[in-house]
Amino acid sequence: MQDYKLPHNIVLENKEKMSVTGVSDVDTFDEGKIVLFIPGDTLIIEGEDLHIQKLDVSSGELTIEGYIYSIAYTGTEAGAKGSKGFFKKMLR
């Protein structure tokens, strides 16, 4: 098992609200899919009518609402190393 720099937590409430801590950046998002980075990994959330209610990358907190179908880890940092992330691109 890998040692991650910062821990992350996921809380899923009734498949309709999700809170994630330890988020370093959001790569892409739309109503069907959100791709975000956590230390050492990429997290993909798929669902329907997904909306980011709160994002604070300085504290690493993210809140999503909508109907969540799946939560998947890529198991690699490769995606994170090749991309700057959506918000970092916007703030260039």
N, C-alpha and C. Protein backbone atom coordinates (compact mmCIF):
# COMPACT_ATOMS: atom_id res chain seq x y z
N MET A 1 0.84 -1.18 0.00
CA MET A 1 0.00 0.00 0.00
C MET A 1 0.88 1.24 0.00
N GLN A 2 0.49 2.26 -0.78
CA GLN A 2 1.28 3.47 -0.90
C GLN A 2 1.03 4.42 0.26
N ASP A 3 2.05 5.21 0.60
CA ASP A 3 1.87 6.26 1.58
C ASP A 3 1.50 7.53 0.82
N TYR A 4 0.40 8.14 1.16
CA TYR A 4 -0.03 9.37 0.52
C TYR A 4 0.37 10.54 1.38
N LYS A 5 0.63 11.67 0.74
CA LYS A 5 1.08 12.86 1.45
C LYS A 5 0.01 13.37 2.42
N LEU A 6 -1.23 13.43 1.95
CA LEU A 6 -2.33 13.87 2.79
C LEU A 6 -3.44 12.82 2.73
N PRO A 7 -4.10 12.57 3.84
CA PRO A 7 -5.21 11.62 3.79
C PRO A 7 -6.41 12.25 3.08
N HIS A 8 -7.27 11.42 2.56
CA HIS A 8 -8.52 11.91 2.00
C HIS A 8 -9.66 11.07 2.56
N ASN A 9 -10.82 11.67 2.59
CA ASN A 9 -12.02 10.99 3.07
C ASN A 9 -13.14 11.22 2.08
N ILE A 10 -14.01 10.22 1.97
CA ILE A 10 -15.20 10.33 1.13
C ILE A 10 -16.41 9.97 1.97
N VAL A 11 -17.41 10.86 1.95
CA VAL A 11 -18.68 10.59 2.62
C VAL A 11 -19.77 10.68 1.56
N LEU A 12 -20.52 9.59 1.37
CA LEU A 12 -21.59 9.54 0.39
C LEU A 12 -22.91 9.39 1.13
N GLU A 13 -23.82 10.31 0.90
CA GLU A 13 -25.12 10.30 1.57
C GLU A 13 -26.22 9.98 0.57
N ASN A 14 -26.84 8.80 0.69
CA ASN A 14 -27.98 8.39 -0.13
C ASN A 14 -27.73 8.51 -1.63
N LYS A 15 -26.51 8.34 -2.08
CA LYS A 15 -26.13 8.44 -3.48
C LYS A 15 -26.45 9.81 -4.09
N GLU A 16 -26.75 10.82 -3.27
CA GLU A 16 -27.15 12.12 -3.79
C GLU A 16 -26.27 13.28 -3.33
N LYS A 17 -25.44 13.07 -2.34
CA LYS A 17 -24.54 14.11 -1.86
C LYS A 17 -23.24 13.45 -1.46
N MET A 18 -22.14 14.04 -1.90
CA MET A 18 -20.83 13.46 -1.62
C MET A 18 -19.88 14.55 -1.17
N SER A 19 -19.15 14.28 -0.11
CA SER A 19 -18.12 15.19 0.38
C SER A 19 -16.78 14.48 0.29
N VAL A 20 -15.79 15.19 -0.23
CA VAL A 20 -14.45 14.62 -0.37
C VAL A 20 -13.47 15.61 0.24
N THR A 21 -12.54 15.11 1.04
CA THR A 21 -11.46 15.94 1.57
C THR A 21 -10.16 15.45 0.98
N GLY A 22 -9.14 16.28 0.99
CA GLY A 22 -7.84 15.92 0.44
C GLY A 22 -7.75 16.17 -1.06
N VAL A 23 -8.66 16.97 -1.62
CA VAL A 23 -8.67 17.25 -3.05
C VAL A 23 -7.62 18.31 -3.36
N SER A 24 -6.75 18.02 -4.32
CA SER A 24 -5.73 19.00 -4.70
C SER A 24 -6.16 19.82 -5.92
N ASP A 25 -7.01 19.25 -6.79
CA ASP A 25 -7.48 19.99 -7.97
C ASP A 25 -8.60 19.21 -8.64
N VAL A 26 -9.39 19.92 -9.45
CA VAL A 26 -10.42 19.29 -10.28
C VAL A 26 -9.94 19.41 -11.72
N ASP A 27 -9.88 18.29 -12.43
CA ASP A 27 -9.42 18.30 -13.81
C ASP A 27 -10.55 18.67 -14.76
N THR A 28 -11.63 17.91 -14.76
CA THR A 28 -12.78 18.20 -15.61
C THR A 28 -14.06 17.92 -14.85
N PHE A 29 -15.13 18.56 -15.31
CA PHE A 29 -16.42 18.27 -14.72
C PHE A 29 -17.53 18.65 -15.68
N ASP A 30 -18.60 17.87 -15.63
CA ASP A 30 -19.84 18.19 -16.31
C ASP A 30 -20.95 17.48 -15.54
N GLU A 31 -22.16 17.46 -16.06
CA GLU A 31 -23.28 16.89 -15.32
C GLU A 31 -23.21 15.37 -15.20
N GLY A 32 -22.32 14.73 -15.97
CA GLY A 32 -22.23 13.28 -15.92
C GLY A 32 -20.96 12.71 -15.34
N LYS A 33 -19.92 13.56 -15.22
CA LYS A 33 -18.62 13.03 -14.77
C LYS A 33 -17.77 14.14 -14.17
N ILE A 34 -17.12 13.82 -13.06
CA ILE A 34 -16.18 14.74 -12.42
C ILE A 34 -14.88 13.98 -12.21
N VAL A 35 -13.77 14.57 -12.66
CA VAL A 35 -12.45 13.98 -12.49
C VAL A 35 -11.65 14.91 -11.59
N LEU A 36 -11.17 14.38 -10.47
CA LEU A 36 -10.43 15.21 -9.53
C LEU A 36 -9.18 14.50 -9.06
N PHE A 37 -8.26 15.29 -8.55
CA PHE A 37 -6.99 14.76 -8.08
C PHE A 37 -6.92 14.78 -6.57
N ILE A 38 -6.49 13.66 -6.03
CA ILE A 38 -6.16 13.54 -4.61
C ILE A 38 -4.69 13.14 -4.57
N PRO A 39 -4.00 13.31 -3.47
CA PRO A 39 -2.58 12.98 -3.43
C PRO A 39 -2.30 11.55 -3.88
N GLY A 40 -1.52 11.42 -4.95
CA GLY A 40 -1.11 10.12 -5.43
C GLY A 40 -2.12 9.38 -6.28
N ASP A 41 -3.24 10.00 -6.62
CA ASP A 41 -4.27 9.28 -7.35
C ASP A 41 -5.21 10.24 -8.06
N THR A 42 -6.01 9.68 -8.95
CA THR A 42 -7.07 10.42 -9.62
C THR A 42 -8.38 9.74 -9.28
N LEU A 43 -9.40 10.52 -8.98
CA LEU A 43 -10.71 10.00 -8.59
C LEU A 43 -11.71 10.41 -9.65
N ILE A 44 -12.50 9.44 -10.14
CA ILE A 44 -13.51 9.70 -11.16
C ILE A 44 -14.88 9.41 -10.56
N ILE A 45 -15.76 10.40 -10.59
CA ILE A 45 -17.12 10.26 -10.08
C ILE A 45 -18.06 10.37 -11.27
N GLU A 46 -18.91 9.37 -11.46
CA GLU A 46 -19.87 9.39 -12.54
C GLU A 46 -21.28 9.36 -11.99
N GLY A 47 -22.18 10.05 -12.69
CA GLY A 47 -23.55 10.09 -12.25
C GLY A 47 -24.42 10.89 -13.19
N GLU A 48 -25.46 11.44 -12.63
CA GLU A 48 -26.44 12.19 -13.41
C GLU A 48 -26.75 13.48 -12.68
N ASP A 49 -26.81 14.57 -13.42
CA ASP A 49 -27.15 15.88 -12.88
C ASP A 49 -26.19 16.28 -11.74
N LEU A 50 -24.89 16.02 -11.94
CA LEU A 50 -23.88 16.32 -10.93
C LEU A 50 -23.55 17.82 -10.92
N HIS A 51 -23.45 18.37 -9.74
CA HIS A 51 -23.10 19.78 -9.57
C HIS A 51 -22.11 19.91 -8.42
N ILE A 52 -21.09 20.72 -8.62
CA ILE A 52 -20.15 21.02 -7.55
C ILE A 52 -20.75 22.14 -6.72
N GLN A 53 -21.08 21.83 -5.48
CA GLN A 53 -21.67 22.82 -4.58
C GLN A 53 -20.62 23.65 -3.86
N LYS A 54 -19.48 23.00 -3.57
CA LYS A 54 -18.40 23.68 -2.84
C LYS A 54 -17.08 23.12 -3.30
N LEU A 55 -16.14 24.00 -3.57
CA LEU A 55 -14.77 23.59 -3.89
C LEU A 55 -13.82 24.58 -3.25
N ASP A 56 -12.97 24.07 -2.38
CA ASP A 56 -11.95 24.89 -1.73
C ASP A 56 -10.65 24.09 -1.78
N VAL A 57 -9.83 24.34 -2.81
CA VAL A 57 -8.60 23.57 -2.95
C VAL A 57 -7.57 23.94 -1.90
N SER A 58 -7.68 25.11 -1.29
CA SER A 58 -6.73 25.46 -0.24
C SER A 58 -6.92 24.57 0.99
N SER A 59 -8.16 24.18 1.28
CA SER A 59 -8.41 23.25 2.39
C SER A 59 -8.64 21.83 1.91
N GLY A 60 -8.78 21.66 0.57
CA GLY A 60 -8.97 20.33 0.00
C GLY A 60 -10.38 19.79 0.10
N GLU A 61 -11.38 20.66 0.27
CA GLU A 61 -12.76 20.22 0.46
C GLU A 61 -13.58 20.37 -0.82
N LEU A 62 -14.38 19.35 -1.12
CA LEU A 62 -15.25 19.35 -2.29
C LEU A 62 -16.58 18.75 -1.89
N THR A 63 -17.68 19.37 -2.32
CA THR A 63 -19.02 18.84 -2.10
C THR A 63 -19.73 18.76 -3.44
N ILE A 64 -20.29 17.59 -3.72
CA ILE A 64 -20.99 17.33 -4.98
C ILE A 64 -22.42 16.92 -4.66
N GLU A 65 -23.37 17.41 -5.47
CA GLU A 65 -24.75 16.97 -5.37
C GLU A 65 -25.20 16.46 -6.72
N GLY A 66 -26.11 15.50 -6.73
CA GLY A 66 -26.62 14.87 -7.93
C GLY A 66 -26.78 13.38 -7.64
N TYR A 67 -27.11 12.60 -8.65
CA TYR A 67 -27.25 11.16 -8.45
C TYR A 67 -25.94 10.49 -8.85
N ILE A 68 -25.27 9.88 -7.89
CA ILE A 68 -23.93 9.32 -8.09
C ILE A 68 -24.04 7.82 -8.39
N TYR A 69 -23.52 7.42 -9.57
CA TYR A 69 -23.53 6.02 -10.00
C TYR A 69 -22.27 5.28 -9.59
N SER A 70 -21.11 5.95 -9.74
CA SER A 70 -19.86 5.24 -9.45
C SER A 70 -18.77 6.18 -8.98
N ILE A 71 -17.87 5.60 -8.20
CA ILE A 71 -16.68 6.29 -7.70
C ILE A 71 -15.52 5.35 -8.01
N ALA A 72 -14.54 5.84 -8.77
CA ALA A 72 -13.43 4.96 -9.17
C ALA A 72 -12.10 5.67 -9.00
N TYR A 73 -11.11 4.93 -8.51
CA TYR A 73 -9.74 5.39 -8.44
C TYR A 73 -9.00 4.87 -9.67
N THR A 74 -8.14 5.69 -10.26
CA THR A 74 -7.36 5.21 -11.39
C THR A 74 -6.18 4.37 -10.92
N GLY A 75 -5.74 4.60 -9.69
CA GLY A 75 -4.62 3.84 -9.15
C GLY A 75 -3.27 4.34 -9.61
N THR A 76 -3.24 5.51 -10.22
CA THR A 76 -1.98 6.04 -10.72
C THR A 76 -1.99 7.55 -10.70
N GLU A 77 -0.80 8.11 -10.64
CA GLU A 77 -0.65 9.55 -10.73
C GLU A 77 -0.43 10.00 -12.16
N ALA A 78 -0.37 9.08 -13.11
CA ALA A 78 -0.02 9.42 -14.49
C ALA A 78 -0.93 10.48 -15.07
N GLY A 79 -2.22 10.38 -14.82
CA GLY A 79 -3.15 11.38 -15.32
C GLY A 79 -2.90 12.73 -14.71
N ALA A 80 -2.57 12.76 -13.45
CA ALA A 80 -2.33 14.03 -12.76
C ALA A 80 -1.05 14.70 -13.22
N LYS A 81 -0.03 13.91 -13.54
CA LYS A 81 1.24 14.49 -13.95
C LYS A 81 1.16 15.13 -15.33
N GLY A 82 0.30 14.61 -16.21
CA GLY A 82 0.20 15.12 -17.55
C GLY A 82 -0.75 16.29 -17.70
N SER A 83 -1.50 16.61 -16.66
CA SER A 83 -2.51 17.65 -16.76
C SER A 83 -2.32 18.67 -15.65
N LYS A 84 -2.61 19.91 -15.97
CA LYS A 84 -2.49 20.95 -14.96
C LYS A 84 -3.76 21.09 -14.14
N GLY A 85 -4.87 20.53 -14.60
CA GLY A 85 -6.13 20.66 -13.90
C GLY A 85 -6.93 21.84 -14.44
N PHE A 86 -8.22 21.72 -14.35
CA PHE A 86 -9.13 22.71 -14.91
C PHE A 86 -8.92 24.09 -14.31
N PHE A 87 -8.92 24.20 -12.99
CA PHE A 87 -8.82 25.50 -12.36
C PHE A 87 -7.43 26.11 -12.49
N LYS A 88 -6.40 25.31 -12.51
CA LYS A 88 -5.07 25.84 -12.72
C LYS A 88 -4.92 26.39 -14.13
N LYS A 89 -5.56 25.73 -15.11
CA LYS A 89 -5.54 26.24 -16.49
C LYS A 89 -6.27 27.57 -16.58
N MET A 90 -7.38 27.69 -15.87
CA MET A 90 -8.18 28.92 -15.92
C MET A 90 -7.47 30.10 -15.26
N LEU A 91 -6.61 29.82 -14.31
CA LEU A 91 -5.96 30.89 -13.54
C LEU A 91 -4.58 31.24 -14.09
N ARG A 92 -4.21 30.72 -15.26
CA ARG A 92 -2.90 31.03 -15.85
C ARG A 92 -2.81 32.48 -16.23
